[in-house]
PDB file of N, CA and C in Angstrom:
ATOM      1  N   MET A   1      15.891   3.203  -2.938  1.00  0.00           N
ATOM      2  CA  MET A   1      14.791   3.244  -3.844  1.00  0.00           C
ATOM      3  C   MET A   1      13.487   3.186  -3.074  1.00  0.00           C
ATOM      4  N   ARG A   2      13.419   2.285  -2.090  1.00  0.00           N
ATOM      5  CA  ARG A   2      12.189   2.125  -1.316  1.00  0.00           C
ATOM      6  C   ARG A   2      11.829   3.424  -0.597  1.00  0.00           C
ATOM      7  N   SER A   3      12.824   4.086  -0.020  1.00  0.00           N
ATOM      8  CA  SER A   3      12.613   5.334   0.703  1.00  0.00           C
ATOM      9  C   SER A   3      12.014   6.392  -0.225  1.00  0.00           C
ATOM     10  N   LEU A   4      12.529   6.515  -1.433  1.00  0.00           N
ATOM     11  CA  LEU A   4      12.025   7.478  -2.384  1.00  0.00           C
ATOM     12  C   LEU A   4      10.566   7.155  -2.787  1.00  0.00           C
ATOM     13  N   ILE A   5      10.305   5.916  -3.043  1.00  0.00           N
ATOM     14  CA  ILE A   5       8.949   5.507  -3.456  1.00  0.00           C
ATOM     15  C   ILE A   5       7.965   5.683  -2.318  1.00  0.00           C
ATOM     16  N   GLU A   6       8.356   5.278  -1.126  1.00  0.00           N
ATOM     17  CA  GLU A   6       7.384   5.375  -0.019  1.00  0.00           C
ATOM     18  C   GLU A   6       7.152   6.816   0.378  1.00  0.00           C
ATOM     19  N   THR A   7       8.139   7.678   0.245  1.00  0.00           N
ATOM     20  CA  THR A   7       7.935   9.109   0.535  1.00  0.00           C
ATOM     21  C   THR A   7       6.933   9.681  -0.461  1.00  0.00           C
ATOM     22  N   GLU A   8       7.090   9.356  -1.731  1.00  0.00           N
ATOM     23  CA  GLU A   8       6.156   9.857  -2.763  1.00  0.00           C
ATOM     24  C   GLU A   8       4.770   9.257  -2.598  1.00  0.00           C
ATOM     25  N   THR A   9       4.685   7.970  -2.299  1.00  0.00           N
ATOM     26  CA  THR A   9       3.364   7.380  -2.124  1.00  0.00           C
ATOM     27  C   THR A   9       2.650   8.018  -0.927  1.00  0.00           C
ATOM     28  N   ALA A  10       3.355   8.282   0.130  1.00  0.00           N
ATOM     29  CA  ALA A  10       2.741   8.933   1.313  1.00  0.00           C
ATOM     30  C   ALA A  10       2.277  10.332   0.958  1.00  0.00           C
ATOM     31  N   ARG A  11       3.038  11.062   0.208  1.00  0.00           N
ATOM     32  CA  ARG A  11       2.655  12.411  -0.213  1.00  0.00           C
ATOM     33  C   ARG A  11       1.374  12.382  -1.025  1.00  0.00           C
ATOM     34  N   LEU A  12       1.347  11.470  -2.022  1.00  0.00           N
ATOM     35  CA  LEU A  12       0.163  11.361  -2.900  1.00  0.00           C
ATOM     36  C   LEU A  12      -1.035  10.840  -2.130  1.00  0.00           C
ATOM     37  N   ALA A  13      -0.805   9.909  -1.259  1.00  0.00           N
ATOM     38  CA  ALA A  13      -1.935   9.367  -0.440  1.00  0.00           C
ATOM     39  C   ALA A  13      -2.534  10.463   0.436  1.00  0.00           C
ATOM     40  N   ALA A  14      -1.668  11.336   0.972  1.00  0.00           N
ATOM     41  CA  ALA A  14      -2.194  12.420   1.785  1.00  0.00           C
ATOM     42  C   ALA A  14      -3.095  13.363   0.975  1.00  0.00           C
ATOM     43  N   LEU A  15      -2.774  13.496  -0.306  1.00  0.00           N
ATOM     44  CA  LEU A  15      -3.594  14.344  -1.170  1.00  0.00           C
ATOM     45  C   LEU A  15      -4.854  13.660  -1.704  1.00  0.00           C
ATOM     46  N   ASN A  16      -4.773  12.336  -1.907  1.00  0.00           N
ATOM     47  CA  ASN A  16      -5.815  11.636  -2.630  1.00  0.00           C
ATOM     48  C   ASN A  16      -6.648  10.601  -1.896  1.00  0.00           C
ATOM     49  N   CYS A  17      -6.323  10.291  -0.641  1.00  0.00           N
ATOM     50  CA  CYS A  17      -6.989   9.191   0.029  1.00  0.00           C
ATOM     51  C   CYS A  17      -8.431   9.528   0.374  1.00  0.00           C
ATOM     52  N   THR A  18      -9.217   8.492   0.478  1.00  0.00           N
ATOM     53  CA  THR A  18     -10.621   8.645   0.834  1.00  0.00           C
ATOM     54  C   THR A  18     -10.779   8.463   2.346  1.00  0.00           C
ATOM     55  N   ALA A  19     -11.976   8.830   2.841  1.00  0.00           N
ATOM     56  CA  ALA A  19     -12.235   8.639   4.268  1.00  0.00           C
ATOM     57  C   ALA A  19     -12.170   7.160   4.627  1.00  0.00           C
ATOM     58  N   GLN A  20     -12.612   6.280   3.789  1.00  0.00           N
ATOM     59  CA  GLN A  20     -12.533   4.843   4.053  1.00  0.00           C
ATOM     60  C   GLN A  20     -11.066   4.394   4.130  1.00  0.00           C
ATOM     61  N   GLN A  21     -10.217   4.901   3.265  1.00  0.00           N
ATOM     62  CA  GLN A  21      -8.780   4.513   3.332  1.00  0.00           C
ATOM     63  C   GLN A  21      -8.180   5.022   4.630  1.00  0.00           C
ATOM     64  N   LEU A  22      -8.569   6.207   5.096  1.00  0.00           N
ATOM     65  CA  LEU A  22      -8.032   6.696   6.408  1.00  0.00           C
ATOM     66  C   LEU A  22      -8.427   5.737   7.512  1.00  0.00           C
ATOM     67  N   ILE A  23      -9.636   5.252   7.488  1.00  0.00           N
ATOM     68  CA  ILE A  23     -10.093   4.272   8.493  1.00  0.00           C
ATOM     69  C   ILE A  23      -9.275   3.015   8.399  1.00  0.00           C
ATOM     70  N   GLU A  24      -8.984   2.553   7.162  1.00  0.00           N
ATOM     71  CA  GLU A  24      -8.153   1.347   6.984  1.00  0.00           C
ATOM     72  C   GLU A  24      -6.735   1.580   7.520  1.00  0.00           C
ATOM     73  N   PHE A  25      -6.120   2.742   7.266  1.00  0.00           N
ATOM     74  CA  PHE A  25      -4.799   3.054   7.815  1.00  0.00           C
ATOM     75  C   PHE A  25      -4.791   2.958   9.298  1.00  0.00           C
ATOM     76  N   ARG A  26      -5.758   3.604   9.925  1.00  0.00           N
ATOM     77  CA  ARG A  26      -5.832   3.653  11.400  1.00  0.00           C
ATOM     78  C   ARG A  26      -5.997   2.202  11.952  1.00  0.00           C
ATOM     79  N   SER A  27      -6.845   1.408  11.320  1.00  0.00           N
ATOM     80  CA  SER A  27      -7.099   0.066  11.742  1.00  0.00           C
ATOM     81  C   SER A  27      -5.809  -0.792  11.707  1.00  0.00           C
ATOM     82  N   LEU A  28      -5.081  -0.642  10.593  1.00  0.00           N
ATOM     83  CA  LEU A  28      -3.819  -1.388  10.463  1.00  0.00           C
ATOM     84  C   LEU A  28      -2.820  -0.948  11.518  1.00  0.00           C
ATOM     85  N   LEU A  29      -2.709   0.331  11.767  1.00  0.00           N
ATOM     86  CA  LEU A  29      -1.789   0.840  12.787  1.00  0.00           C
ATOM     87  C   LEU A  29      -2.203   0.361  14.176  1.00  0.00           C
ATOM     88  N   GLU A  30      -3.501   0.339  14.475  1.00  0.00           N
ATOM     89  CA  GLU A  30      -3.969  -0.139  15.753  1.00  0.00           C
ATOM     90  C   GLU A  30      -3.676  -1.630  15.912  1.00  0.00           C
ATOM     91  N   ASP A  31      -3.878  -2.388  14.848  1.00  0.00           N
ATOM     92  CA  ASP A  31      -3.536  -3.832  14.864  1.00  0.00           C
ATOM     93  C   ASP A  31      -2.058  -4.031  15.152  1.00  0.00           C
ATOM     94  N   GLU A  32      -1.212  -3.239  14.482  1.00  0.00           N
ATOM     95  CA  GLU A  32       0.233  -3.371  14.735  1.00  0.00           C
ATOM     96  C   GLU A  32       0.584  -3.048  16.209  1.00  0.00           C
ATOM     97  N   ALA A  33      -0.094  -2.044  16.770  1.00  0.00           N
ATOM     98  CA  ALA A  33       0.195  -1.678  18.158  1.00  0.00           C
ATOM     99  C   ALA A  33      -0.182  -2.794  19.116  1.00  0.00           C
ATOM    100  N   ARG A  34      -1.185  -3.602  18.772  1.00  0.00           N
ATOM    101  CA  ARG A  34      -1.638  -4.671  19.608  1.00  0.00           C
ATOM    102  C   ARG A  34      -0.798  -5.937  19.535  1.00  0.00           C
ATOM    103  N   VAL A  35      -0.099  -6.124  18.426  1.00  0.00           N
ATOM    104  CA  VAL A  35       0.665  -7.348  18.219  1.00  0.00           C
ATOM    105  C   VAL A  35       1.968  -7.283  18.975  1.00  0.00           C
ATOM    106  N   ALA A  36       2.247  -8.320  19.685  1.00  0.00           N
ATOM    107  CA  ALA A  36       3.481  -8.383  20.462  1.00  0.00           C
ATOM    108  C   ALA A  36       4.695  -8.445  19.544  1.00  0.00           C
ATOM    109  N   CYS A  37       5.783  -7.827  19.976  1.00  0.00           N
ATOM    110  CA  CYS A  37       7.015  -7.866  19.225  1.00  0.00           C
ATOM    111  C   CYS A  37       7.561  -9.290  19.047  1.00  0.00           C
ATOM    112  N   SER A  38       7.067 -10.197  19.873  1.00  0.00           N
ATOM    113  CA  SER A  38       7.521 -11.580  19.782  1.00  0.00           C
ATOM    114  C   SER A  38       6.872 -12.308  18.590  1.00  0.00           C
ATOM    115  N   ASN A  39       6.015 -11.617  17.846  1.00  0.00           N
ATOM    116  CA  ASN A  39       5.354 -12.219  16.692  1.00  0.00           C
ATOM    117  C   ASN A  39       5.767 -11.457  15.427  1.00  0.00           C
ATOM    118  N   PRO A  40       7.031 -11.587  14.992  1.00  0.00           N
ATOM    119  CA  PRO A  40       7.514 -10.799  13.867  1.00  0.00           C
ATOM    120  C   PRO A  40       6.811 -11.086  12.550  1.00  0.00           C
ATOM    121  N   GLN A  41       6.347 -12.307  12.356  1.00  0.00           N
ATOM    122  CA  GLN A  41       5.681 -12.653  11.090  1.00  0.00           C
ATOM    123  C   GLN A  41       4.351 -11.848  10.964  1.00  0.00           C
ATOM    124  N   THR A  42       3.613 -11.736  12.029  1.00  0.00           N
ATOM    125  CA  THR A  42       2.363 -10.961  11.998  1.00  0.00           C
ATOM    126  C   THR A  42       2.656  -9.477  11.853  1.00  0.00           C
ATOM    127  N   LEU A  43       3.650  -8.981  12.583  1.00  0.00           N
ATOM    128  CA  LEU A  43       4.028  -7.556  12.469  1.00  0.00           C
ATOM    129  C   LEU A  43       4.456  -7.245  11.010  1.00  0.00           C
ATOM    130  N   THR A  44       5.241  -8.111  10.461  1.00  0.00           N
ATOM    131  CA  THR A  44       5.685  -7.897   9.078  1.00  0.00           C
ATOM    132  C   THR A  44       4.543  -7.888   8.101  1.00  0.00           C
ATOM    133  N   SER A  45       3.587  -8.779   8.279  1.00  0.00           N
ATOM    134  CA  SER A  45       2.444  -8.844   7.418  1.00  0.00           C
ATOM    135  C   SER A  45       1.578  -7.560   7.525  1.00  0.00           C
ATOM    136  N   LEU A  46       1.375  -7.111   8.767  1.00  0.00           N
ATOM    137  CA  LEU A  46       0.588  -5.921   8.982  1.00  0.00           C
ATOM    138  C   LEU A  46       1.310  -4.673   8.397  1.00  0.00           C
ATOM    139  N   ASP A  47       2.614  -4.604   8.593  1.00  0.00           N
ATOM    140  CA  ASP A  47       3.420  -3.476   8.081  1.00  0.00           C
ATOM    141  C   ASP A  47       3.349  -3.476   6.561  1.00  0.00           C
ATOM    142  N   PHE A  48       3.474  -4.645   5.931  1.00  0.00           N
ATOM    143  CA  PHE A  48       3.377  -4.705   4.462  1.00  0.00           C
ATOM    144  C   PHE A  48       1.998  -4.218   4.003  1.00  0.00           C
ATOM    145  N   SER A  49       0.951  -4.684   4.687  1.00  0.00           N
ATOM    146  CA  SER A  49      -0.404  -4.273   4.329  1.00  0.00           C
ATOM    147  C   SER A  49      -0.561  -2.735   4.428  1.00  0.00           C
ATOM    148  N   PHE A  50      -0.004  -2.175   5.462  1.00  0.00           N
ATOM    149  CA  PHE A  50      -0.054  -0.701   5.647  1.00  0.00           C
ATOM    150  C   PHE A  50       0.600   0.005   4.466  1.00  0.00           C
ATOM    151  N   HIS A  51       1.819  -0.374   4.139  1.00  0.00           N
ATOM    152  CA  HIS A  51       2.536   0.272   3.051  1.00  0.00           C
ATOM    153  C   HIS A  51       1.869   0.073   1.716  1.00  0.00           C
ATOM    154  N   LEU A  52       1.282  -1.102   1.482  1.00  0.00           N
ATOM    155  CA  LEU A  52       0.564  -1.339   0.247  1.00  0.00           C
ATOM    156  C   LEU A  52      -0.716  -0.491   0.208  1.00  0.00           C
ATOM    157  N   SER A  53      -1.382  -0.328   1.307  1.00  0.00           N
ATOM    158  CA  SER A  53      -2.573   0.499   1.373  1.00  0.00           C
ATOM    159  C   SER A  53      -2.245   1.965   1.051  1.00  0.00           C
ATOM    160  N   ILE A  54      -1.119   2.419   1.544  1.00  0.00           N
ATOM    161  CA  ILE A  54      -0.683   3.773   1.257  1.00  0.00           C
ATOM    162  C   ILE A  54      -0.417   3.916  -0.235  1.00  0.00           C
ATOM    163  N   ALA A  55       0.238   2.911  -0.831  1.00  0.00           N
ATOM    164  CA  ALA A  55       0.525   2.973  -2.250  1.00  0.00           C
ATOM    165  C   ALA A  55      -0.734   2.959  -3.081  1.00  0.00           C
ATOM    166  N   ILE A  56      -1.707   2.186  -2.699  1.00  0.00           N
ATOM    167  CA  ILE A  56      -3.008   2.162  -3.415  1.00  0.00           C
ATOM    168  C   ILE A  56      -3.687   3.523  -3.294  1.00  0.00           C
ATOM    169  N   ALA A  57      -3.653   4.102  -2.119  1.00  0.00           N
ATOM    170  CA  ALA A  57      -4.305   5.404  -1.879  1.00  0.00           C
ATOM    171  C   ALA A  57      -3.631   6.528  -2.630  1.00  0.00           C
ATOM    172  N   SER A  58      -2.389   6.319  -3.081  1.00  0.00           N
ATOM    173  CA  SER A  58      -1.670   7.350  -3.821  1.00  0.00           C
ATOM    174  C   SER A  58      -2.353   7.677  -5.142  1.00  0.00           C
ATOM    175  N   GLY A  59      -3.087   6.711  -5.677  1.00  0.00           N
ATOM    176  CA  GLY A  59      -3.719   6.912  -6.970  1.00  0.00           C
ATOM    177  C   GLY A  59      -2.843   6.571  -8.163  1.00  0.00           C
ATOM    178  N   ASN A  60      -1.578   6.278  -7.887  1.00  0.00           N
ATOM    179  CA  ASN A  60      -0.645   5.881  -8.926  1.00  0.00           C
ATOM    180  C   ASN A  60      -0.678   4.362  -9.071  1.00  0.00           C
ATOM    181  N   LEU A  61      -0.991   3.865 -10.235  1.00  0.00           N
ATOM    182  CA  LEU A  61      -1.185   2.426 -10.429  1.00  0.00           C
ATOM    183  C   LEU A  61       0.142   1.649 -10.339  1.00  0.00           C
ATOM    184  N   VAL A  62       1.268   2.307 -10.587  1.00  0.00           N
ATOM    185  CA  VAL A  62       2.551   1.633 -10.590  1.00  0.00           C
ATOM    186  C   VAL A  62       3.077   1.411  -9.172  1.00  0.00           C
ATOM    187  N   TYR A  63       2.830   2.320  -8.260  1.00  0.00           N
ATOM    188  CA  TYR A  63       3.380   2.204  -6.915  1.00  0.00           C
ATOM    189  C   TYR A  63       2.936   0.945  -6.176  1.00  0.00           C
ATOM    190  N   PRO A  64       1.670   0.527  -6.235  1.00  0.00           N
ATOM    191  CA  PRO A  64       1.348  -0.747  -5.564  1.00  0.00           C
ATOM    192  C   PRO A  64       2.080  -1.950  -6.189  1.00  0.00           C
ATOM    193  N   LEU A  65       2.300  -1.893  -7.492  1.00  0.00           N
ATOM    194  CA  LEU A  65       3.080  -2.975  -8.111  1.00  0.00           C
ATOM    195  C   LEU A  65       4.496  -3.036  -7.587  1.00  0.00           C
ATOM    196  N   ILE A  66       5.082  -1.866  -7.455  1.00  0.00           N
ATOM    197  CA  ILE A  66       6.462  -1.815  -6.927  1.00  0.00           C
ATOM    198  C   ILE A  66       6.488  -2.334  -5.480  1.00  0.00           C
ATOM    199  N   ILE A  67       5.585  -1.859  -4.642  1.00  0.00           N
ATOM    200  CA  ILE A  67       5.542  -2.294  -3.257  1.00  0.00           C
ATOM    201  C   ILE A  67       5.335  -3.805  -3.194  1.00  0.00           C
ATOM    202  N   ASN A  68       4.471  -4.319  -4.060  1.00  0.00           N
ATOM    203  CA  ASN A  68       4.237  -5.808  -4.082  1.00  0.00           C
ATOM    204  C   ASN A  68       5.484  -6.564  -4.453  1.00  0.00           C
ATOM    205  N   SER A  69       6.392  -5.939  -5.196  1.00  0.00           N
ATOM    206  CA  SER A  69       7.652  -6.640  -5.603  1.00  0.00           C
ATOM    207  C   SER A  69       8.550  -6.835  -4.403  1.00  0.00           C
ATOM    208  N   PHE A  70       8.318  -6.118  -3.285  1.00  0.00           N
ATOM    209  CA  PHE A  70       9.101  -6.276  -2.081  1.00  0.00           C
ATOM    210  C   PHE A  70       8.572  -7.422  -1.189  1.00  0.00           C
ATOM    211  N   LYS A  71       7.401  -7.884  -1.520  1.00  0.00           N
ATOM    212  CA  LYS A  71       6.779  -8.947  -0.664  1.00  0.00           C
ATOM    213  C   LYS A  71       7.574 -10.255  -0.813  1.00  0.00           C
ATOM    214  N   ALA A  72       7.907 -10.806   0.302  1.00  0.00           N
ATOM    215  CA  ALA A  72       8.605 -12.089   0.308  1.00  0.00           C
ATOM    216  C   ALA A  72       7.657 -13.201  -0.040  1.00  0.00           C
ATOM    217  N   SER A  73       8.072 -14.085  -0.885  1.00  0.00           N
ATOM    218  CA  SER A  73       7.213 -15.216  -1.214  1.00  0.00           C
ATOM    219  C   SER A  73       7.332 -16.275  -0.108  1.00  0.00           C
ATOM    220  N   THR A  74       6.217 -16.949   0.128  1.00  0.00           N
ATOM    221  CA  THR A  74       6.231 -18.018   1.136  1.00  0.00           C
ATOM    222  C   THR A  74       6.578 -19.321   0.475  1.00  0.00           C
ATOM    223  N   PRO A  75       7.396 -20.145   1.135  1.00  0.00           N
ATOM    224  CA  PRO A  75       7.708 -21.442   0.549  1.00  0.00           C
ATOM    225  C   PRO A  75       6.484 -22.328   0.488  1.00  0.00           C
ATOM    226  N   THR A  76       6.409 -23.145  -0.547  1.00  0.00           N
ATOM    227  CA  THR A  76       5.291 -24.031  -0.709  1.00  0.00           C
ATOM    228  C   THR A  76       5.611 -25.446  -0.261  1.00  0.00           C
TER     229      THR A  76
END
């Protein structure tokens, strides 16, 4: 399910994203490239932010909600 949704969100984001969103995508990818693999929590957080940003850029209001449903909750 995730593969289907992310493929569609990427397609729609490519058609609908703004210049500012492109800058945000690049920034997130650059941040991921700088984070050491020994810090999986930070990598996971950055990766989630990237996928959520793509879903938002898709212009479909439901896709960000679906992507957010994959976010792990942190224990309190």
